[in-house]
Amino acid sequence: DYLIVALSTDGFNRKEKHKATYFTYDQRKQLLEAIRYVDLVIPEDCWEQKRTDMHQYQVDVFVMGDDWKGKFDELAAEGVEGVYLPRTPEISTSQIKADLHGTGEGL
């Protein structure tokens, strides 16, 4: 098995997702690369890139959070199985961001 993680770039997060990141792309990439199960981290610059990445890296299973369920089902026609994992209910990224910023108020 070979695990590839597509990591949204800072520009993609800002422009398309309208989100600011606490850590820069390079910092987030280093964190992911430190995980022994991650073989490769690639930058994600746009939504359309998913399809080309699937072919370029010969991906056979595509995994995302279940809040994206159904958004990429068309990849199945190209031989890529989509798996949507449930989010961890005890983890709130809004709370983590609030804690990091010292406000203590999650959304």
PDB file of N, CA and C in Angstrom:
ATOM      1  N   ASP A   1       0.835  -1.186   0.000  1.00  0.00           N
ATOM      2  CA  ASP A   1       0.000   0.000   0.000  1.00  0.00           C
ATOM      3  C   ASP A   1       0.879   1.249   0.000  1.00  0.00           C
ATOM      4  N   TYR A   2       0.330   2.316  -0.533  1.00  0.00           N
ATOM      5  CA  TYR A   2       1.055   3.572  -0.661  1.00  0.00           C
ATOM      6  C   TYR A   2       0.067   4.692  -0.366  1.00  0.00           C
ATOM      7  N   LEU A   3       0.346   5.501   0.642  1.00  0.00           N
ATOM      8  CA  LEU A   3      -0.577   6.556   1.044  1.00  0.00           C
ATOM      9  C   LEU A   3      -0.096   7.912   0.550  1.00  0.00           C
ATOM     10  N   ILE A   4      -0.929   8.532  -0.284  1.00  0.00           N
ATOM     11  CA  ILE A   4      -0.675   9.878  -0.798  1.00  0.00           C
ATOM     12  C   ILE A   4      -1.685  10.808  -0.142  1.00  0.00           C
ATOM     13  N   VAL A   5      -1.209  11.921   0.393  1.00  0.00           N
ATOM     14  CA  VAL A   5      -2.088  12.913   0.994  1.00  0.00           C
ATOM     15  C   VAL A   5      -2.035  14.166   0.130  1.00  0.00           C
ATOM     16  N   ALA A   6      -3.191  14.577  -0.380  1.00  0.00           N
ATOM     17  CA  ALA A   6      -3.289  15.838  -1.116  1.00  0.00           C
ATOM     18  C   ALA A   6      -3.597  16.923  -0.089  1.00  0.00           C
ATOM     19  N   LEU A   7      -2.721  17.896   0.006  1.00  0.00           N
ATOM     20  CA  LEU A   7      -2.820  18.955   1.009  1.00  0.00           C
ATOM     21  C   LEU A   7      -3.104  20.283   0.326  1.00  0.00           C
ATOM     22  N   SER A   8      -4.188  20.917   0.719  1.00  0.00           N
ATOM     23  CA  SER A   8      -4.561  22.198   0.121  1.00  0.00           C
ATOM     24  C   SER A   8      -3.487  23.250   0.381  1.00  0.00           C
ATOM     25  N   THR A   9      -3.128  23.962  -0.671  1.00  0.00           N
ATOM     26  CA  THR A   9      -2.157  25.040  -0.535  1.00  0.00           C
ATOM     27  C   THR A   9      -2.807  26.228   0.173  1.00  0.00           C
ATOM     28  N   ASP A  10      -1.986  27.142   0.654  1.00  0.00           N
ATOM     29  CA  ASP A  10      -2.516  28.335   1.313  1.00  0.00           C
ATOM     30  C   ASP A  10      -3.392  29.137   0.358  1.00  0.00           C
ATOM     31  N   GLY A  11      -2.943  29.270  -0.898  1.00  0.00           N
ATOM     32  CA  GLY A  11      -3.718  30.018  -1.887  1.00  0.00           C
ATOM     33  C   GLY A  11      -5.058  29.382  -2.184  1.00  0.00           C
ATOM     34  N   PHE A  12      -5.090  28.080  -2.302  1.00  0.00           N
ATOM     35  CA  PHE A  12      -6.346  27.357  -2.555  1.00  0.00           C
ATOM     36  C   PHE A  12      -7.294  27.519  -1.369  1.00  0.00           C
ATOM     37  N   ASN A  13      -6.753  27.405  -0.157  1.00  0.00           N
ATOM     38  CA  ASN A  13      -7.588  27.604   1.030  1.00  0.00           C
ATOM     39  C   ASN A  13      -8.185  29.001   1.066  1.00  0.00           C
ATOM     40  N   ARG A  14      -7.389  30.003   0.753  1.00  0.00           N
ATOM     41  CA  ARG A  14      -7.843  31.391   0.777  1.00  0.00           C
ATOM     42  C   ARG A  14      -8.849  31.674  -0.324  1.00  0.00           C
ATOM     43  N   LYS A  15      -8.465  31.332  -1.550  1.00  0.00           N
ATOM     44  CA  LYS A  15      -9.257  31.719  -2.717  1.00  0.00           C
ATOM     45  C   LYS A  15     -10.531  30.892  -2.892  1.00  0.00           C
ATOM     46  N   GLU A  16     -10.424  29.586  -2.798  1.00  0.00           N
ATOM     47  CA  GLU A  16     -11.561  28.715  -3.102  1.00  0.00           C
ATOM     48  C   GLU A  16     -12.360  28.281  -1.877  1.00  0.00           C
ATOM     49  N   LYS A  17     -11.677  28.054  -0.778  1.00  0.00           N
ATOM     50  CA  LYS A  17     -12.356  27.568   0.426  1.00  0.00           C
ATOM     51  C   LYS A  17     -12.693  28.696   1.402  1.00  0.00           C
ATOM     52  N   HIS A  18     -12.132  29.882   1.146  1.00  0.00           N
ATOM     53  CA  HIS A  18     -12.349  31.056   1.997  1.00  0.00           C
ATOM     54  C   HIS A  18     -11.984  30.763   3.447  1.00  0.00           C
ATOM     55  N   LYS A  19     -10.836  30.100   3.622  1.00  0.00           N
ATOM     56  CA  LYS A  19     -10.345  29.736   4.949  1.00  0.00           C
ATOM     57  C   LYS A  19      -8.903  30.200   5.107  1.00  0.00           C
ATOM     58  N   ALA A  20      -8.597  30.618   6.310  1.00  0.00           N
ATOM     59  CA  ALA A  20      -7.207  30.939   6.651  1.00  0.00           C
ATOM     60  C   ALA A  20      -6.681  29.782   7.491  1.00  0.00           C
ATOM     61  N   THR A  21      -5.435  29.416   7.273  1.00  0.00           N
ATOM     62  CA  THR A  21      -4.846  28.320   8.027  1.00  0.00           C
ATOM     63  C   THR A  21      -3.994  28.875   9.157  1.00  0.00           C
ATOM     64  N   TYR A  22      -3.909  28.119  10.219  1.00  0.00           N
ATOM     65  CA  TYR A  22      -3.069  28.519  11.347  1.00  0.00           C
ATOM     66  C   TYR A  22      -1.606  28.275  11.018  1.00  0.00           C
ATOM     67  N   PHE A  23      -1.331  27.134  10.368  1.00  0.00           N
ATOM     68  CA  PHE A  23       0.022  26.795   9.947  1.00  0.00           C
ATOM     69  C   PHE A  23       0.130  26.990   8.439  1.00  0.00           C
ATOM     70  N   THR A  24       1.315  27.347   7.965  1.00  0.00           N
ATOM     71  CA  THR A  24       1.528  27.504   6.527  1.00  0.00           C
ATOM     72  C   THR A  24       1.474  26.135   5.844  1.00  0.00           C
ATOM     73  N   TYR A  25       1.381  26.158   4.540  1.00  0.00           N
ATOM     74  CA  TYR A  25       1.398  24.912   3.770  1.00  0.00           C
ATOM     75  C   TYR A  25       2.641  24.091   4.122  1.00  0.00           C
ATOM     76  N   ASP A  26       3.805  24.727   4.111  1.00  0.00           N
ATOM     77  CA  ASP A  26       5.051  23.998   4.390  1.00  0.00           C
ATOM     78  C   ASP A  26       5.054  23.386   5.790  1.00  0.00           C
ATOM     79  N   GLN A  27       4.526  24.104   6.766  1.00  0.00           N
ATOM     80  CA  GLN A  27       4.456  23.560   8.123  1.00  0.00           C
ATOM     81  C   GLN A  27       3.494  22.367   8.181  1.00  0.00           C
ATOM     82  N   ARG A  28       2.333  22.495   7.531  1.00  0.00           N
ATOM     83  CA  ARG A  28       1.365  21.400   7.521  1.00  0.00           C
ATOM     84  C   ARG A  28       1.924  20.194   6.772  1.00  0.00           C
ATOM     85  N   LYS A  29       2.666  20.467   5.700  1.00  0.00           N
ATOM     86  CA  LYS A  29       3.276  19.383   4.944  1.00  0.00           C
ATOM     87  C   LYS A  29       4.294  18.636   5.803  1.00  0.00           C
ATOM     88  N   GLN A  30       5.119  19.366   6.532  1.00  0.00           N
ATOM     89  CA  GLN A  30       6.104  18.730   7.408  1.00  0.00           C
ATOM     90  C   GLN A  30       5.430  17.866   8.475  1.00  0.00           C
ATOM     91  N   LEU A  31       4.329  18.342   9.021  1.00  0.00           N
ATOM     92  CA  LEU A  31       3.590  17.554  10.012  1.00  0.00           C
ATOM     93  C   LEU A  31       3.095  16.242   9.408  1.00  0.00           C
ATOM     94  N   LEU A  32       2.546  16.323   8.211  1.00  0.00           N
ATOM     95  CA  LEU A  32       2.051  15.108   7.548  1.00  0.00           C
ATOM     96  C   LEU A  32       3.186  14.159   7.182  1.00  0.00           C
ATOM     97  N   GLU A  33       4.291  14.708   6.699  1.00  0.00           N
ATOM     98  CA  GLU A  33       5.427  13.868   6.308  1.00  0.00           C
ATOM     99  C   GLU A  33       6.039  13.144   7.513  1.00  0.00           C
ATOM    100  N   ALA A  34       5.808  13.674   8.703  1.00  0.00           N
ATOM    101  CA  ALA A  34       6.339  13.044   9.912  1.00  0.00           C
ATOM    102  C   ALA A  34       5.533  11.806  10.326  1.00  0.00           C
ATOM    103  N   ILE A  35       4.368  11.631   9.735  1.00  0.00           N
ATOM    104  CA  ILE A  35       3.540  10.467  10.048  1.00  0.00           C
ATOM    105  C   ILE A  35       4.071   9.278   9.253  1.00  0.00           C
ATOM    106  N   ARG A  36       4.420   8.227   9.933  1.00  0.00           N
ATOM    107  CA  ARG A  36       5.098   7.107   9.262  1.00  0.00           C
ATOM    108  C   ARG A  36       4.248   6.420   8.198  1.00  0.00           C
ATOM    109  N   TYR A  37       2.944   6.575   8.258  1.00  0.00           N
ATOM    110  CA  TYR A  37       2.078   5.921   7.275  1.00  0.00           C
ATOM    111  C   TYR A  37       1.942   6.720   5.980  1.00  0.00           C
ATOM    112  N   VAL A  38       2.353   7.983   6.005  1.00  0.00           N
ATOM    113  CA  VAL A  38       2.227   8.850   4.828  1.00  0.00           C
ATOM    114  C   VAL A  38       3.475   8.690   3.967  1.00  0.00           C
ATOM    115  N   ASP A  39       3.257   8.278   2.707  1.00  0.00           N
ATOM    116  CA  ASP A  39       4.364   8.068   1.782  1.00  0.00           C
ATOM    117  C   ASP A  39       4.689   9.311   0.955  1.00  0.00           C
ATOM    118  N   LEU A  40       3.658  10.091   0.626  1.00  0.00           N
ATOM    119  CA  LEU A  40       3.862  11.252  -0.239  1.00  0.00           C
ATOM    120  C   LEU A  40       2.803  12.303   0.068  1.00  0.00           C
ATOM    121  N   VAL A  41       3.231  13.568   0.146  1.00  0.00           N
ATOM    122  CA  VAL A  41       2.309  14.695   0.308  1.00  0.00           C
ATOM    123  C   VAL A  41       2.406  15.535  -0.957  1.00  0.00           C
ATOM    124  N   ILE A  42       1.261  15.776  -1.591  1.00  0.00           N
ATOM    125  CA  ILE A  42       1.240  16.574  -2.817  1.00  0.00           C
ATOM    126  C   ILE A  42       0.384  17.820  -2.595  1.00  0.00           C
ATOM    127  N   PRO A  43       0.741  18.932  -3.260  1.00  0.00           N
ATOM    128  CA  PRO A  43      -0.055  20.154  -3.108  1.00  0.00           C
ATOM    129  C   PRO A  43      -1.351  20.064  -3.909  1.00  0.00           C
ATOM    130  N   GLU A  44      -2.417  20.555  -3.302  1.00  0.00           N
ATOM    131  CA  GLU A  44      -3.703  20.649  -4.004  1.00  0.00           C
ATOM    132  C   GLU A  44      -3.978  22.123  -4.250  1.00  0.00           C
ATOM    133  N   ASP A  45      -4.036  22.500  -5.538  1.00  0.00           N
ATOM    134  CA  ASP A  45      -4.197  23.895  -5.923  1.00  0.00           C
ATOM    135  C   ASP A  45      -5.597  24.256  -6.407  1.00  0.00           C
ATOM    136  N   CYS A  46      -6.395  23.236  -6.787  1.00  0.00           N
ATOM    137  CA  CYS A  46      -7.738  23.501  -7.304  1.00  0.00           C
ATOM    138  C   CYS A  46      -8.584  22.235  -7.213  1.00  0.00           C
ATOM    139  N   TRP A  47      -9.899  22.407  -7.290  1.00  0.00           N
ATOM    140  CA  TRP A  47     -10.819  21.268  -7.205  1.00  0.00           C
ATOM    141  C   TRP A  47     -10.614  20.295  -8.363  1.00  0.00           C
ATOM    142  N   GLU A  48     -10.402  20.813  -9.553  1.00  0.00           N
ATOM    143  CA  GLU A  48     -10.279  19.972 -10.746  1.00  0.00           C
ATOM    144  C   GLU A  48      -9.056  19.064 -10.705  1.00  0.00           C
ATOM    145  N   GLN A  49      -8.114  19.392  -9.872  1.00  0.00           N
ATOM    146  CA  GLN A  49      -6.875  18.635  -9.779  1.00  0.00           C
ATOM    147  C   GLN A  49      -7.097  17.197  -9.314  1.00  0.00           C
ATOM    148  N   LYS A  50      -8.165  16.960  -8.563  1.00  0.00           N
ATOM    149  CA  LYS A  50      -8.401  15.615  -8.033  1.00  0.00           C
ATOM    150  C   LYS A  50      -8.414  14.577  -9.149  1.00  0.00           C
ATOM    151  N   ARG A  51      -9.121  14.866 -10.217  1.00  0.00           N
ATOM    152  CA  ARG A  51      -9.219  13.915 -11.330  1.00  0.00           C
ATOM    153  C   ARG A  51      -7.850  13.645 -11.944  1.00  0.00           C
ATOM    154  N   THR A  52      -7.071  14.671 -12.212  1.00  0.00           N
ATOM    155  CA  THR A  52      -5.760  14.464 -12.828  1.00  0.00           C
ATOM    156  C   THR A  52      -4.805  13.752 -11.872  1.00  0.00           C
ATOM    157  N   ASP A  53      -4.905  14.080 -10.573  1.00  0.00           N
ATOM    158  CA  ASP A  53      -4.059  13.392  -9.587  1.00  0.00           C
ATOM    159  C   ASP A  53      -4.371  11.903  -9.536  1.00  0.00           C
ATOM    160  N   MET A  54      -5.638  11.544  -9.646  1.00  0.00           N
ATOM    161  CA  MET A  54      -6.029  10.130  -9.603  1.00  0.00           C
ATOM    162  C   MET A  54      -5.332   9.342 -10.708  1.00  0.00           C
ATOM    163  N   HIS A  55      -5.257   9.963 -11.885  1.00  0.00           N
ATOM    164  CA  HIS A  55      -4.602   9.299 -13.018  1.00  0.00           C
ATOM    165  C   HIS A  55      -3.083   9.356 -12.909  1.00  0.00           C
ATOM    166  N   GLN A  56      -2.561  10.526 -12.572  1.00  0.00           N
ATOM    167  CA  GLN A  56      -1.108  10.696 -12.501  1.00  0.00           C
ATOM    168  C   GLN A  56      -0.470   9.758 -11.474  1.00  0.00           C
ATOM    169  N   TYR A  57      -1.126   9.587 -10.335  1.00  0.00           N
ATOM    170  CA  TYR A  57      -0.561   8.764  -9.260  1.00  0.00           C
ATOM    171  C   TYR A  57      -1.173   7.367  -9.197  1.00  0.00           C
ATOM    172  N   GLN A  58      -1.991   7.036 -10.188  1.00  0.00           N
ATOM    173  CA  GLN A  58      -2.628   5.718 -10.299  1.00  0.00           C
ATOM    174  C   GLN A  58      -3.346   5.330  -9.006  1.00  0.00           C
ATOM    175  N   VAL A  59      -4.188   6.232  -8.549  1.00  0.00           N
ATOM    176  CA  VAL A  59      -4.947   6.038  -7.320  1.00  0.00           C
ATOM    177  C   VAL A  59      -6.105   5.083  -7.577  1.00  0.00           C
ATOM    178  N   ASP A  60      -6.303   4.145  -6.663  1.00  0.00           N
ATOM    179  CA  ASP A  60      -7.445   3.245  -6.805  1.00  0.00           C
ATOM    180  C   ASP A  60      -8.486   3.436  -5.707  1.00  0.00           C
ATOM    181  N   VAL A  61      -8.103   4.090  -4.602  1.00  0.00           N
ATOM    182  CA  VAL A  61      -9.049   4.410  -3.531  1.00  0.00           C
ATOM    183  C   VAL A  61      -8.844   5.863  -3.121  1.00  0.00           C
ATOM    184  N   PHE A  62      -9.939   6.590  -3.088  1.00  0.00           N
ATOM    185  CA  PHE A  62      -9.953   8.005  -2.768  1.00  0.00           C
ATOM    186  C   PHE A  62     -10.728   8.166  -1.458  1.00  0.00           C
ATOM    187  N   VAL A  63     -10.102   8.773  -0.437  1.00  0.00           N
ATOM    188  CA  VAL A  63     -10.730   8.871   0.881  1.00  0.00           C
ATOM    189  C   VAL A  63     -10.869  10.334   1.285  1.00  0.00           C
ATOM    190  N   MET A  64     -12.082  10.674   1.757  1.00  0.00           N
ATOM    191  CA  MET A  64     -12.355  12.030   2.256  1.00  0.00           C
ATOM    192  C   MET A  64     -13.336  11.930   3.405  1.00  0.00           C
ATOM    193  N   GLY A  65     -13.524  13.043   4.101  1.00  0.00           N
ATOM    194  CA  GLY A  65     -14.511  13.106   5.171  1.00  0.00           C
ATOM    195  C   GLY A  65     -15.920  13.005   4.604  1.00  0.00           C
ATOM    196  N   ASP A  66     -16.844  12.488   5.411  1.00  0.00           N
ATOM    197  CA  ASP A  66     -18.194  12.261   4.909  1.00  0.00           C
ATOM    198  C   ASP A  66     -18.994  13.537   4.670  1.00  0.00           C
ATOM    199  N   ASP A  67     -18.448  14.683   5.054  1.00  0.00           N
ATOM    200  CA  ASP A  67     -19.115  15.930   4.696  1.00  0.00           C
ATOM    201  C   ASP A  67     -18.976  16.216   3.193  1.00  0.00           C
ATOM    202  N   TRP A  68     -18.137  15.455   2.519  1.00  0.00           N
ATOM    203  CA  TRP A  68     -17.966  15.569   1.066  1.00  0.00           C
ATOM    204  C   TRP A  68     -18.683  14.440   0.318  1.00  0.00           C
ATOM    205  N   LYS A  69     -19.444  13.634   1.026  1.00  0.00           N
ATOM    206  CA  LYS A  69     -20.085  12.460   0.433  1.00  0.00           C
ATOM    207  C   LYS A  69     -20.869  12.842  -0.825  1.00  0.00           C
ATOM    208  N   GLY A  70     -20.600  12.096  -1.895  1.00  0.00           N
ATOM    209  CA  GLY A  70     -21.287  12.311  -3.166  1.00  0.00           C
ATOM    210  C   GLY A  70     -20.640  13.327  -4.087  1.00  0.00           C
ATOM    211  N   LYS A  71     -19.754  14.162  -3.577  1.00  0.00           N
ATOM    212  CA  LYS A  71     -19.157  15.231  -4.383  1.00  0.00           C
ATOM    213  C   LYS A  71     -18.176  14.720  -5.436  1.00  0.00           C
ATOM    214  N   PHE A  72     -17.605  13.547  -5.200  1.00  0.00           N
ATOM    215  CA  PHE A  72     -16.594  13.033  -6.121  1.00  0.00           C
ATOM    216  C   PHE A  72     -16.934  11.629  -6.615  1.00  0.00           C
ATOM    217  N   ASP A  73     -18.208  11.277  -6.576  1.00  0.00           N
ATOM    218  CA  ASP A  73     -18.638   9.943  -6.984  1.00  0.00           C
ATOM    219  C   ASP A  73     -18.359   9.651  -8.456  1.00  0.00           C
ATOM    220  N   GLU A  74     -18.228  10.690  -9.270  1.00  0.00           N
ATOM    221  CA  GLU A  74     -17.967  10.481 -10.700  1.00  0.00           C
ATOM    222  C   GLU A  74     -16.623   9.803 -10.950  1.00  0.00           C
ATOM    223  N   LEU A  75     -15.743   9.825  -9.971  1.00  0.00           N
ATOM    224  CA  LEU A  75     -14.444   9.170 -10.130  1.00  0.00           C
ATOM    225  C   LEU A  75     -14.580   7.649 -10.196  1.00  0.00           C
ATOM    226  N   ALA A  76     -15.694   7.116  -9.704  1.00  0.00           N
ATOM    227  CA  ALA A  76     -15.927   5.663  -9.753  1.00  0.00           C
ATOM    228  C   ALA A  76     -15.971   5.182 -11.200  1.00  0.00           C
ATOM    229  N   ALA A  77     -16.491   6.005 -12.097  1.00  0.00           N
ATOM    230  CA  ALA A  77     -16.549   5.643 -13.515  1.00  0.00           C
ATOM    231  C   ALA A  77     -15.152   5.525 -14.112  1.00  0.00           C
ATOM    232  N   GLU A  78     -14.168   6.089 -13.431  1.00  0.00           N
ATOM    233  CA  GLU A  78     -12.782   6.037 -13.900  1.00  0.00           C
ATOM    234  C   GLU A  78     -11.962   5.012 -13.122  1.00  0.00           C
ATOM    235  N   GLY A  79     -12.676   4.163 -12.369  1.00  0.00           N
ATOM    236  CA  GLY A  79     -12.005   3.088 -11.651  1.00  0.00           C
ATOM    237  C   GLY A  79     -11.459   3.447 -10.282  1.00  0.00           C
ATOM    238  N   VAL A  80     -11.916   4.570  -9.728  1.00  0.00           N
ATOM    239  CA  VAL A  80     -11.446   5.002  -8.417  1.00  0.00           C
ATOM    240  C   VAL A  80     -12.579   4.829  -7.402  1.00  0.00           C
ATOM    241  N   GLU A  81     -12.323   4.030  -6.383  1.00  0.00           N
ATOM    242  CA  GLU A  81     -13.324   3.813  -5.340  1.00  0.00           C
ATOM    243  C   GLU A  81     -13.307   4.989  -4.365  1.00  0.00           C
ATOM    244  N   GLY A  82     -14.469   5.544  -4.100  1.00  0.00           N
ATOM    245  CA  GLY A  82     -14.591   6.641  -3.143  1.00  0.00           C
ATOM    246  C   GLY A  82     -15.011   6.112  -1.788  1.00  0.00           C
ATOM    247  N   VAL A  83     -14.282   6.485  -0.761  1.00  0.00           N
ATOM    248  CA  VAL A  83     -14.605   6.103   0.613  1.00  0.00           C
ATOM    249  C   VAL A  83     -14.745   7.399   1.407  1.00  0.00           C
ATOM    250  N   TYR A  84     -15.876   7.540   2.086  1.00  0.00           N
ATOM    251  CA  TYR A  84     -16.138   8.742   2.868  1.00  0.00           C
ATOM    252  C   TYR A  84     -16.185   8.362   4.343  1.00  0.00           C
ATOM    253  N   LEU A  85     -15.214   8.843   5.095  1.00  0.00           N
ATOM    254  CA  LEU A  85     -15.105   8.496   6.508  1.00  0.00           C
ATOM    255  C   LEU A  85     -15.848   9.509   7.370  1.00  0.00           C
ATOM    256  N   PRO A  86     -16.498   9.017   8.438  1.00  0.00           N
ATOM    257  CA  PRO A  86     -17.194   9.956   9.335  1.00  0.00           C
ATOM    258  C   PRO A  86     -16.186  10.816  10.096  1.00  0.00           C
ATOM    259  N   ARG A  87     -16.594  12.036  10.364  1.00  0.00           N
ATOM    260  CA  ARG A  87     -15.769  12.944  11.163  1.00  0.00           C
ATOM    261  C   ARG A  87     -15.769  12.458  12.612  1.00  0.00           C
ATOM    262  N   THR A  88     -14.746  12.825  13.339  1.00  0.00           N
ATOM    263  CA  THR A  88     -14.663  12.466  14.751  1.00  0.00           C
ATOM    264  C   THR A  88     -15.482  13.487  15.542  1.00  0.00           C
ATOM    265  N   PRO A  89     -16.605  13.077  16.119  1.00  0.00           N
ATOM    266  CA  PRO A  89     -17.494  14.050  16.761  1.00  0.00           C
ATOM    267  C   PRO A  89     -16.872  14.782  17.946  1.00  0.00           C
ATOM    268  N   GLU A  90     -15.910  14.167  18.616  1.00  0.00           N
ATOM    269  CA  GLU A  90     -15.291  14.801  19.777  1.00  0.00           C
ATOM    270  C   GLU A  90     -14.288  15.880  19.389  1.00  0.00           C
ATOM    271  N   ILE A  91     -13.929  15.961  18.112  1.00  0.00           N
ATOM    272  CA  ILE A  91     -12.921  16.912  17.656  1.00  0.00           C
ATOM    273  C   ILE A  91     -13.601  18.069  16.931  1.00  0.00           C
ATOM    274  N   SER A  92     -13.369  19.264  17.388  1.00  0.00           N
ATOM    275  CA  SER A  92     -13.922  20.459  16.762  1.00  0.00           C
ATOM    276  C   SER A  92     -12.766  21.331  16.285  1.00  0.00           C
ATOM    277  N   THR A  93     -12.615  21.460  14.980  1.00  0.00           N
ATOM    278  CA  THR A  93     -11.542  22.328  14.482  1.00  0.00           C
ATOM    279  C   THR A  93     -11.804  23.776  14.872  1.00  0.00           C
ATOM    280  N   SER A  94     -13.071  24.156  14.972  1.00  0.00           N
ATOM    281  CA  SER A  94     -13.392  25.514  15.416  1.00  0.00           C
ATOM    282  C   SER A  94     -12.889  25.740  16.836  1.00  0.00           C
ATOM    283  N   GLN A  95     -13.062  24.743  17.715  1.00  0.00           N
ATOM    284  CA  GLN A  95     -12.588  24.869  19.088  1.00  0.00           C
ATOM    285  C   GLN A  95     -11.060  24.907  19.131  1.00  0.00           C
ATOM    286  N   ILE A  96     -10.420  24.081  18.323  1.00  0.00           N
ATOM    287  CA  ILE A  96      -8.955  24.073  18.280  1.00  0.00           C
ATOM    288  C   ILE A  96      -8.438  25.440  17.843  1.00  0.00           C
ATOM    289  N   LYS A  97      -9.041  26.001  16.792  1.00  0.00           N
ATOM    290  CA  LYS A  97      -8.621  27.320  16.320  1.00  0.00           C
ATOM    291  C   LYS A  97      -8.832  28.379  17.393  1.00  0.00           C
ATOM    292  N   ALA A  98      -9.969  28.324  18.088  1.00  0.00           N
ATOM    293  CA  ALA A  98     -10.244  29.292  19.154  1.00  0.00           C
ATOM    294  C   ALA A  98      -9.207  29.153  20.266  1.00  0.00           C
ATOM    295  N   ASP A  99      -8.864  27.925  20.621  1.00  0.00           N
ATOM    296  CA  ASP A  99      -7.863  27.690  21.651  1.00  0.00           C
ATOM    297  C   ASP A  99      -6.498  28.226  21.225  1.00  0.00           C
ATOM    298  N   LEU A 100      -6.127  28.003  19.972  1.00  0.00           N
ATOM    299  CA  LEU A 100      -4.840  28.476  19.480  1.00  0.00           C
ATOM    300  C   LEU A 100      -4.765  29.995  19.447  1.00  0.00           C
ATOM    301  N   HIS A 101      -5.907  30.630  19.172  1.00  0.00           N
ATOM    302  CA  HIS A 101      -5.939  32.088  19.108  1.00  0.00           C
ATOM    303  C   HIS A 101      -6.185  32.700  20.485  1.00  0.00           C
ATOM    304  N   GLY A 102      -6.423  31.847  21.485  1.00  0.00           N
ATOM    305  CA  GLY A 102      -6.600  32.341  22.845  1.00  0.00           C
ATOM    306  C   GLY A 102      -7.964  32.906  23.147  1.00  0.00           C
ATOM    307  N   THR A 103      -8.937  32.714  22.247  1.00  0.00           N
ATOM    308  CA  THR A 103     -10.260  33.253  22.506  1.00  0.00           C
ATOM    309  C   THR A 103     -11.115  32.309  23.348  1.00  0.00           C
ATOM    310  N   GLY A 104     -10.810  30.994  23.257  1.00  0.00           N
ATOM    311  CA  GLY A 104     -11.546  30.022  24.036  1.00  0.00           C
ATOM    312  C   GLY A 104     -12.988  29.836  23.616  1.00  0.00           C
ATOM    313  N   GLU A 105     -13.362  30.430  22.489  1.00  0.00           N
ATOM    314  CA  GLU A 105     -14.749  30.341  22.035  1.00  0.00           C
ATOM    315  C   GLU A 105     -14.807  29.659  20.684  1.00  0.00           C
ATOM    316  N   GLY A 106     -15.159  28.369  20.671  1.00  0.00           N
ATOM    317  CA  GLY A 106     -15.332  27.664  19.419  1.00  0.00           C
ATOM    318  C   GLY A 106     -16.653  28.040  18.776  1.00  0.00           C
ATOM    319  N   LEU A 107     -16.733  27.826  17.473  1.00  0.00           N
ATOM    320  CA  LEU A 107     -17.985  28.123  16.766  1.00  0.00           C
ATOM    321  C   LEU A 107     -18.976  27.008  16.930  1.00  0.00           C
TER     322      LEU A 107
END
